[in-house]
Protein backbone atom coordinates (compact mmCIF):
# COMPACT_ATOMS: atom_id res chain seq x y z
CA UNK A 1 0.00 0.00 0.00
CA UNK A 2 2.94 2.36 0.65
CA UNK A 3 0.86 4.00 3.38
CA UNK A 4 0.73 4.01 7.17
CA UNK A 5 -2.02 1.40 7.47
CA UNK A 6 -2.89 1.86 11.18
CA UNK A 7 -3.98 5.44 10.53
CA UNK A 8 -5.11 5.22 6.90
CA UNK A 9 -6.74 1.88 6.14
CA UNK A 10 -10.48 1.58 6.68
CA UNK A 11 -12.26 -1.74 7.14
CA UNK A 12 -15.24 -3.21 8.95
CA UNK A 13 -14.06 -3.98 12.49
CA UNK A 14 -16.42 -6.82 13.25
CA UNK A 15 -16.82 -7.89 16.84
CA UNK A 16 -14.20 -5.58 18.38
CA UNK A 17 -16.77 -2.85 17.67
CA UNK A 18 -19.15 -4.59 20.08
CA UNK A 19 -17.21 -2.90 22.88
CA UNK A 20 -18.81 0.39 21.83
CA UNK A 21 -22.31 -1.12 21.81
CA UNK A 22 -21.64 -2.69 25.21
CA UNK A 23 -20.38 0.57 26.73
CA UNK A 24 -23.40 2.48 25.43
CA UNK A 25 -25.88 -0.15 26.65
CA UNK A 26 -24.29 -0.23 30.11
CA UNK A 27 -24.22 3.55 30.35
CA UNK A 28 -27.90 3.78 29.41
CA UNK A 29 -28.89 0.92 31.76
CA UNK A 30 -30.15 -1.15 28.85
CA UNK A 31 -28.35 -4.32 29.87
CA UNK A 32 -27.68 -6.24 33.07
CA UNK A 33 -24.98 -8.91 33.11
CA UNK A 34 -27.10 -11.35 35.12
CA UNK A 35 -30.07 -11.12 32.74
CA UNK A 36 -30.87 -14.31 30.82
CA UNK A 37 -30.83 -14.47 27.02
CA UNK A 38 -31.50 -17.34 24.62
CA UNK A 39 -29.50 -17.61 21.40
CA UNK A 40 -30.96 -19.99 18.84
CA UNK A 41 -28.20 -19.19 16.36
CA UNK A 42 -29.96 -16.36 14.56
CA UNK A 43 -32.35 -13.48 15.03
CA UNK A 44 -34.93 -12.13 12.59
CA UNK A 45 -34.93 -8.37 12.01
CA UNK A 46 -37.41 -6.76 9.59
CA UNK A 47 -37.61 -9.95 7.54
CA UNK A 48 -33.85 -10.50 7.45
CA UNK A 49 -32.26 -13.37 9.35
CA UNK A 50 -29.00 -12.37 11.03
CA UNK A 51 -26.80 -15.22 12.20
CA UNK A 52 -24.51 -15.74 15.14
CA UNK A 53 -21.01 -16.91 14.26
CA UNK A 54 -21.94 -20.14 16.07
CA UNK A 55 -24.58 -21.48 13.73
CA UNK A 56 -26.21 -23.73 16.29
CA UNK A 57 -26.40 -20.87 18.75
CA UNK A 58 -25.17 -20.59 22.32
CA UNK A 59 -28.49 -21.56 23.87
CA UNK A 60 -29.37 -20.12 27.26
CA UNK A 61 -26.76 -17.66 28.52
CA UNK A 62 -26.46 -14.58 30.69
CA UNK A 63 -25.78 -11.21 29.09
CA UNK A 64 -22.23 -11.43 30.47
CA UNK A 65 -21.88 -14.71 28.58
CA UNK A 66 -23.25 -12.93 25.50
CA UNK A 67 -20.16 -10.71 25.74
CA UNK A 68 -17.82 -13.62 26.54
CA UNK A 69 -19.16 -15.63 23.59
CA UNK A 70 -19.34 -12.63 21.22
CA UNK A 71 -22.93 -13.60 20.49
CA UNK A 72 -24.32 -11.54 17.59
CA UNK A 73 -28.05 -11.87 18.44
CA UNK A 74 -27.37 -10.66 21.98
CA UNK A 75 -25.69 -7.54 20.67
CA UNK A 76 -28.52 -6.98 18.20
CA UNK A 77 -30.86 -6.84 21.20
CA UNK A 78 -28.57 -4.31 22.92
CA UNK A 79 -28.67 -2.15 19.79
CA UNK A 80 -32.45 -2.41 19.56
CA UNK A 81 -32.86 -1.36 23.19
CA UNK A 82 -30.65 1.67 22.59
CA UNK A 83 -32.36 2.67 19.36
CA UNK A 84 -30.62 4.17 16.37
CA UNK A 85 -30.41 7.75 17.66
CA UNK A 86 -28.81 6.76 20.95
CA UNK A 87 -26.43 4.12 19.50
CA UNK A 88 -25.16 6.43 16.76
CA UNK A 89 -24.83 9.27 19.25
CA UNK A 90 -22.44 7.10 21.28
CA UNK A 91 -20.60 5.99 18.15
CA UNK A 92 -20.00 9.66 17.35
CA UNK A 93 -19.07 10.50 20.93
CA UNK A 94 -16.47 7.73 20.89
CA UNK A 95 -14.82 9.56 17.99
CA UNK A 96 -16.03 7.70 14.93
CA UNK A 97 -17.05 9.80 11.94
CA UNK A 98 -14.11 12.17 12.19
CA UNK A 99 -10.33 11.91 12.29
CA UNK A 100 -8.63 11.43 15.64
CA UNK A 101 -6.15 14.27 15.09
CA UNK A 102 -3.09 12.11 15.61
CA UNK A 103 0.16 13.96 14.87
CA UNK A 104 0.91 12.00 11.69
CA UNK A 105 0.15 12.78 8.06
CA UNK A 106 -2.27 10.80 5.93
CA UNK A 107 -4.94 9.88 8.47
CA UNK A 108 -8.07 8.33 7.02
CA UNK A 109 -11.63 8.55 8.30
CA UNK A 110 -14.41 6.16 9.13
CA UNK A 111 -17.52 5.57 7.05
CA UNK A 112 -20.82 5.44 8.93
CA UNK A 113 -24.44 5.12 7.89
CA UNK A 114 -26.28 8.43 7.68
CA UNK A 115 -28.86 8.34 10.44
CA UNK A 116 -31.74 8.89 7.99
CA UNK A 117 -30.67 5.74 6.14
CA UNK A 118 -30.54 3.55 9.25
CA UNK A 119 -33.37 1.06 9.33
CA UNK A 120 -33.87 -1.91 11.67
CA UNK A 121 -31.35 -4.10 9.79
CA UNK A 122 -28.67 -1.38 9.64
CA UNK A 123 -29.13 -0.75 13.36
CA UNK A 124 -28.77 -4.46 14.08
CA UNK A 125 -25.65 -5.01 11.98
CA UNK A 126 -23.97 -1.87 13.29
CA UNK A 127 -24.47 -3.16 16.84
CA UNK A 128 -22.18 -6.12 16.09
CA UNK A 129 -19.69 -4.23 13.93
CA UNK A 130 -20.84 -4.86 10.37
CA UNK A 131 -21.74 -2.07 7.96
CA UNK A 132 -19.44 0.50 9.54
CA UNK A 133 -15.89 1.14 8.36
CA UNK A 134 -13.18 2.48 10.68
CA UNK A 135 -9.42 2.97 10.89
CA UNK A 136 -7.34 1.06 13.43
CA UNK A 137 -6.33 4.30 15.20
CA UNK A 138 -10.00 5.25 15.59
CA UNK A 139 -10.79 1.83 16.99
CA UNK A 140 -7.96 1.81 19.51
CA UNK A 141 -8.71 5.42 20.54
CA UNK A 142 -12.39 4.61 21.12
CA UNK A 143 -11.71 1.41 23.05
CA UNK A 144 -9.13 3.25 25.15
CA UNK A 145 -11.91 5.63 26.19
CA UNK A 146 -14.19 2.72 27.02
CA UNK A 147 -11.65 1.23 29.45
CA UNK A 148 -9.74 4.22 30.86
CA UNK A 149 -12.59 5.72 32.85
CA UNK A 150 -14.54 7.04 29.88
CA UNK A 151 -12.10 9.74 28.70
CA UNK A 152 -11.59 10.25 24.96
CA UNK A 153 -8.12 11.61 24.16
CA UNK A 154 -6.35 12.81 21.04
CA UNK A 155 -3.67 10.17 20.32
CA UNK A 156 -0.03 11.26 20.02
CA UNK A 157 3.19 9.52 19.02
CA UNK A 158 5.45 11.94 20.90
CA UNK A 159 5.72 12.98 24.55
CA UNK A 160 8.07 15.92 23.99
CA UNK A 161 10.24 17.69 21.40
CA UNK A 162 13.97 18.19 21.96
CA UNK A 163 16.74 20.21 20.34
CA UNK A 164 18.88 17.55 18.58
CA UNK A 165 22.07 19.52 19.21
CA UNK A 166 21.68 20.58 22.83
CA UNK A 167 19.22 17.99 24.15
CA UNK A 168 17.11 20.84 25.54
CA UNK A 169 13.37 20.21 25.71
CA UNK A 170 11.59 22.59 23.35
CA UNK A 171 8.00 21.63 24.08
CA UNK A 172 5.99 18.95 25.83
CA UNK A 173 2.91 17.23 24.45
CA UNK A 174 0.21 17.33 27.11
CA UNK A 175 -2.66 14.81 27.17
CA UNK A 176 -5.66 16.33 25.40
CA UNK A 177 -9.03 15.04 26.54
CA UNK A 178 -11.88 15.89 24.17
CA UNK A 179 -14.86 14.18 25.83
CA UNK A 180 -16.08 12.26 28.86
CA UNK A 181 -18.00 9.61 26.95
CA UNK A 182 -19.10 7.29 29.76
CA UNK A 183 -18.73 7.36 33.53
CA UNK A 184 -15.85 5.77 35.40
CA UNK A 185 -18.32 3.30 36.92
CA UNK A 186 -19.51 2.17 33.48
CA UNK A 187 -15.93 1.93 32.26
CA UNK A 188 -15.13 -0.40 35.18
CA UNK A 189 -17.99 -2.68 34.13
CA UNK A 190 -16.65 -2.73 30.55
CA UNK A 191 -13.17 -3.69 31.80
CA UNK A 192 -14.55 -6.46 33.98
CA UNK A 193 -16.60 -7.90 31.11
CA UNK A 194 -13.64 -7.82 28.73
CA UNK A 195 -11.38 -9.45 31.32
CA UNK A 196 -13.96 -12.23 31.50
CA UNK A 197 -13.80 -12.57 27.69
CA UNK A 198 -10.10 -13.44 28.00
CA UNK A 199 -10.43 -15.73 31.01
CA UNK A 200 -13.61 -17.57 30.05
CA UNK A 201 -14.74 -16.61 26.56
CA UNK A 202 -13.61 -16.23 22.96
CA UNK A 203 -10.35 -14.46 23.89
CA UNK A 204 -8.71 -17.23 25.93
CA UNK A 205 -5.73 -17.40 23.56
CA UNK A 206 -4.72 -13.97 24.93
CA UNK A 207 -4.74 -15.15 28.56
CA UNK A 208 -1.42 -14.30 30.20
CA UNK A 209 -0.49 -15.99 33.45
CA UNK A 210 0.33 -13.45 36.14
CA UNK A 211 -1.34 -10.50 34.42
CA UNK A 212 -4.95 -9.37 34.24
CA UNK A 213 -5.69 -9.03 30.53
CA UNK A 214 -8.96 -7.87 29.00
CA UNK A 215 -9.88 -7.88 25.34
CA UNK A 216 -12.23 -8.65 22.49
CA UNK A 217 -11.99 -10.78 19.40
CA UNK A 218 -13.06 -9.67 15.94
CA UNK A 219 -13.83 -11.51 12.71
CA UNK A 220 -15.23 -9.44 9.85
CA UNK A 221 -16.15 -10.46 6.32
CA UNK A 222 -14.37 -8.47 3.62
CA UNK A 223 -16.36 -6.75 0.90
CA UNK A 224 -15.36 -8.07 -2.54
CA UNK A 225 -17.02 -6.62 -5.65
CA UNK A 226 -19.72 -5.00 -3.52
CA UNK A 227 -20.66 -8.18 -1.65
CA UNK A 228 -19.60 -9.78 1.61
CA UNK A 229 -17.15 -12.56 0.80
CA UNK A 230 -17.89 -15.97 2.37
CA UNK A 231 -14.16 -16.81 2.36
CA UNK A 232 -12.19 -13.58 2.89
CA UNK A 233 -11.97 -12.05 6.36
CA UNK A 234 -10.06 -9.62 8.52
CA UNK A 235 -9.49 -11.14 11.95
CA UNK A 236 -8.42 -9.05 14.91
CA UNK A 237 -7.99 -8.81 18.64
CA UNK A 238 -7.77 -5.77 20.86
CA UNK A 239 -6.32 -6.33 24.32
CA UNK A 240 -5.30 -4.26 27.33
CA UNK A 241 -3.57 -4.81 30.66
CA UNK A 242 -3.62 -4.71 33.58
CA UNK A 243 -7.40 -4.99 33.35
CA UNK A 244 -7.97 -3.21 36.65
CA UNK A 245 -5.63 -0.30 35.79
CA UNK A 246 -4.77 -0.31 32.07
CA UNK A 247 -1.27 0.76 31.05
CA UNK A 248 -1.06 -0.84 27.61
CA UNK A 249 -3.54 -1.42 24.79
CA UNK A 250 -2.64 -3.46 21.71
CA UNK A 251 -4.62 -4.00 18.52
CA UNK A 252 -3.62 -6.68 16.01
CA UNK A 253 -5.44 -7.35 12.75
CA UNK A 254 -4.62 -9.98 10.13
CA UNK A 255 -5.89 -9.50 6.58
CA UNK A 256 -7.31 -12.71 5.11
CA UNK A 257 -5.32 -15.34 7.03
CA UNK A 258 -5.08 -18.82 5.60
CA UNK A 259 -6.77 -21.68 7.39
CA UNK A 260 -8.92 -20.89 10.42
CA UNK A 261 -10.28 -17.35 10.20
CA UNK A 262 -11.16 -16.38 13.76
CA UNK A 263 -9.69 -13.46 15.69
CA UNK A 264 -9.57 -15.49 18.88
CA UNK A 265 -7.36 -18.12 17.24
CA UNK A 266 -5.16 -16.00 14.96
CA UNK A 267 -4.83 -12.48 16.41
CA UNK A 268 -5.24 -13.12 20.14
CA UNK A 269 -1.95 -15.08 20.47
CA UNK A 270 -0.13 -12.22 18.71
CA UNK A 271 -1.46 -9.75 21.26
CA UNK A 272 -0.59 -12.12 24.10
CA UNK A 273 3.06 -12.34 23.03
CA UNK A 274 3.45 -8.60 22.47
CA UNK A 275 1.66 -7.85 25.74
CA UNK A 276 3.91 -10.20 27.68
CA UNK A 277 7.08 -8.55 26.37
CA UNK A 278 5.69 -5.03 26.80
CA UNK A 279 4.54 -5.46 30.40
CA UNK A 280 7.87 -6.95 31.41
CA UNK A 281 9.77 -4.17 29.62
CA UNK A 282 7.69 -1.54 31.43
CA UNK A 283 8.26 -3.27 34.76
CA UNK A 284 4.56 -3.84 35.42
CA UNK A 285 4.29 -6.18 38.38
CA UNK A 286 2.48 -9.47 38.05
CA UNK A 287 -0.87 -9.85 39.79
CA UNK A 288 -2.16 -12.69 41.94
CA UNK A 289 -5.83 -11.73 41.74
CA UNK A 290 -6.51 -12.37 38.06
CA UNK A 291 -9.56 -14.35 36.99
CA UNK A 292 -8.83 -18.05 36.68
CA UNK A 293 -8.83 -19.24 33.11
CA UNK A 294 -11.47 -21.80 32.17
CA UNK A 295 -10.22 -24.79 30.22
CA UNK A 296 -12.22 -26.92 27.82
CA UNK A 297 -11.32 -30.11 25.99
CA UNK A 298 -8.46 -29.43 23.56
CA UNK A 299 -7.03 -26.44 25.41
CA UNK A 300 -3.37 -26.63 26.41
CA UNK A 301 -2.74 -25.67 30.04
CA UNK A 302 0.24 -23.59 31.09
CA UNK A 303 2.61 -24.61 33.87
CA UNK A 304 5.49 -22.93 35.69
CA UNK A 305 9.03 -24.01 34.83
CA UNK A 306 10.78 -25.33 37.98
CA UNK A 307 14.30 -24.39 39.06
CA UNK A 308 16.55 -27.29 38.05
CA UNK A 309 19.90 -25.52 38.40
CA UNK A 310 22.20 -27.34 40.82
CA UNK A 311 20.22 -30.56 40.67
CA UNK A 312 21.53 -33.79 39.21
CA UNK A 313 20.08 -35.80 36.37
CA UNK A 314 19.05 -38.46 38.88
CA UNK A 315 17.23 -35.86 41.01
CA UNK A 316 15.10 -34.49 38.20
CA UNK A 317 14.16 -37.87 36.75
CA UNK A 318 12.81 -38.82 40.16
CA UNK A 319 11.01 -35.53 40.83
CA UNK A 320 10.04 -34.03 37.46
CA UNK A 321 6.47 -34.81 36.46
CA UNK A 322 5.00 -35.36 33.01
CA UNK A 323 4.42 -31.63 32.42
CA UNK A 324 7.76 -31.26 30.61
CA UNK A 325 10.10 -32.88 28.14
CA UNK A 326 13.88 -32.63 28.57
CA UNK A 327 16.63 -31.87 26.08
CA UNK A 328 20.27 -32.11 27.21
CA UNK A 329 23.34 -30.12 26.19
CA UNK A 330 26.85 -30.92 27.41
CA UNK A 331 28.17 -33.86 29.39
CA UNK A 332 28.08 -34.61 33.08
CA UNK A 333 25.45 -35.10 35.74
CA UNK A 334 24.97 -31.61 37.28
CA UNK A 335 22.65 -28.99 35.75
CA UNK A 336 24.42 -25.62 35.51
CA UNK A 337 21.82 -23.74 33.44
CA UNK A 338 18.42 -24.16 31.83
CA UNK A 339 16.08 -22.66 29.24
CA UNK A 340 13.42 -21.42 29.76
CA UNK A 341 14.42 -19.74 33.01
CA UNK A 342 12.82 -20.85 36.30
CA UNK A 343 9.42 -19.29 36.93
CA UNK A 344 8.53 -18.88 33.25
CA UNK A 345 5.02 -20.01 32.27
CA UNK A 346 4.95 -22.39 29.29
CA UNK A 347 2.47 -24.73 27.65
CA UNK A 348 2.15 -28.10 29.33
CA UNK A 349 4.37 -30.58 27.50
CA UNK A 350 6.99 -27.98 26.53
CA UNK A 351 10.69 -28.83 26.39
CA UNK A 352 13.20 -27.64 28.99
CA UNK A 353 16.78 -27.60 27.75
CA UNK A 354 19.28 -28.35 30.51
CA UNK A 355 23.02 -27.63 30.32
CA UNK A 356 25.22 -30.19 32.06
CA UNK A 357 28.69 -30.26 33.62
CA UNK A 358 30.66 -32.81 35.55
CA UNK A 359 30.11 -32.92 39.29
CA UNK A 360 32.76 -31.12 41.35
C-alpha cells in the first residue's frame, strides 16, 4: 500500500466494535450482566435473518456470557434497546465519523451510515460491527476511552520535542481530553466484562499468566465486488492490561489469514506475546488476583518451569512430572543452566533444555 495502514486503512471492524455497543448499553442501563438471554443461532430483524457466528447458537446464557461468547443476536438486542439515535450518538461521541487528530500525516476517516438511512437491519448489523468502516487508530482510541474511565483523548506519538544539538526540551505534548463519553463506573464494568472474555470466553488465547488481561476478538467479512465474501476475512484482537488499571492497549489485525479465520485463534496469540514482552519491559508487576482461566477439551494448560539448576540428572528424573520434556546439552550429571528460566510459564508438555557439567 505504501501508506501508514494503522492510521489510513479503513475496514469493517467486526466484533471488536461490540465494545462500543456494550459501553453504550451499560451507560444507558439497557443491559444487566445477570439477565438471561436465549441464542438460537440467529435473530430475525425486519424480515432478514441475522446469524450468530456459532450457527447452532449458544443456547441459554447470561448477558455477560453474550459478551464472553461474542454472540451476535445478543448484541442486536442491545442495539435495539438503545435505538438508532442513541447508538449512533455514542458511536460519534467515541470519535467515529471524524479523524482522531493524531500527529501523523495521511490519516483516514471512518464511514458510517447516515442516520436517515438507518433502518432496523442497519441498526442491528452496526451493533455487532458490520456495515461500519473504521481505521485502526479510531478503533484503539475509542476502546481506550471505554476502558480508561470514559475519557476520549487525542492520540499522540510523541511525549516531547527536543533540540537535537543541545538535548534541551523545546515543548511537551500534554494529554488532550476531548470528551467524557461514559462514567468511570460504566468503564469499570466494561473492563470487567472484557477481562472475563479473555479468562472464560472467545479471547482465551490472549490469557497471560500473572497479568490481568482484557480484550475482544473480531472476525469481519471483507467486501469483494460489492458483496460480503464468504471466504475472505479480517481477523483481529484488541487487548489491554492490567485490566484493573490499564497501562497498555494493543490492537492486532490480520488480513485474510489462511486456514482458520477467527480473531480469537489468529490475532489473540499475537497480542498475548506482544503484551507479555511489553509489560515486562515496562516493569509492570504481576498480579495474583486475576480471573482463573477456564479450560475446555483441547485447550493446552500452562505450567510454571521449575528451578533445576544445581540438581543432578538423577534428582530431576525422580522428581520431574509429566508436564515437561527434557533436552540435554553438554556432558556430566549436574545442571548448571536451563532454558526457559525458572518461573517462566509455558504450555504443558513444553521442552526444557538443561546444560550439564561434571560434578565437582
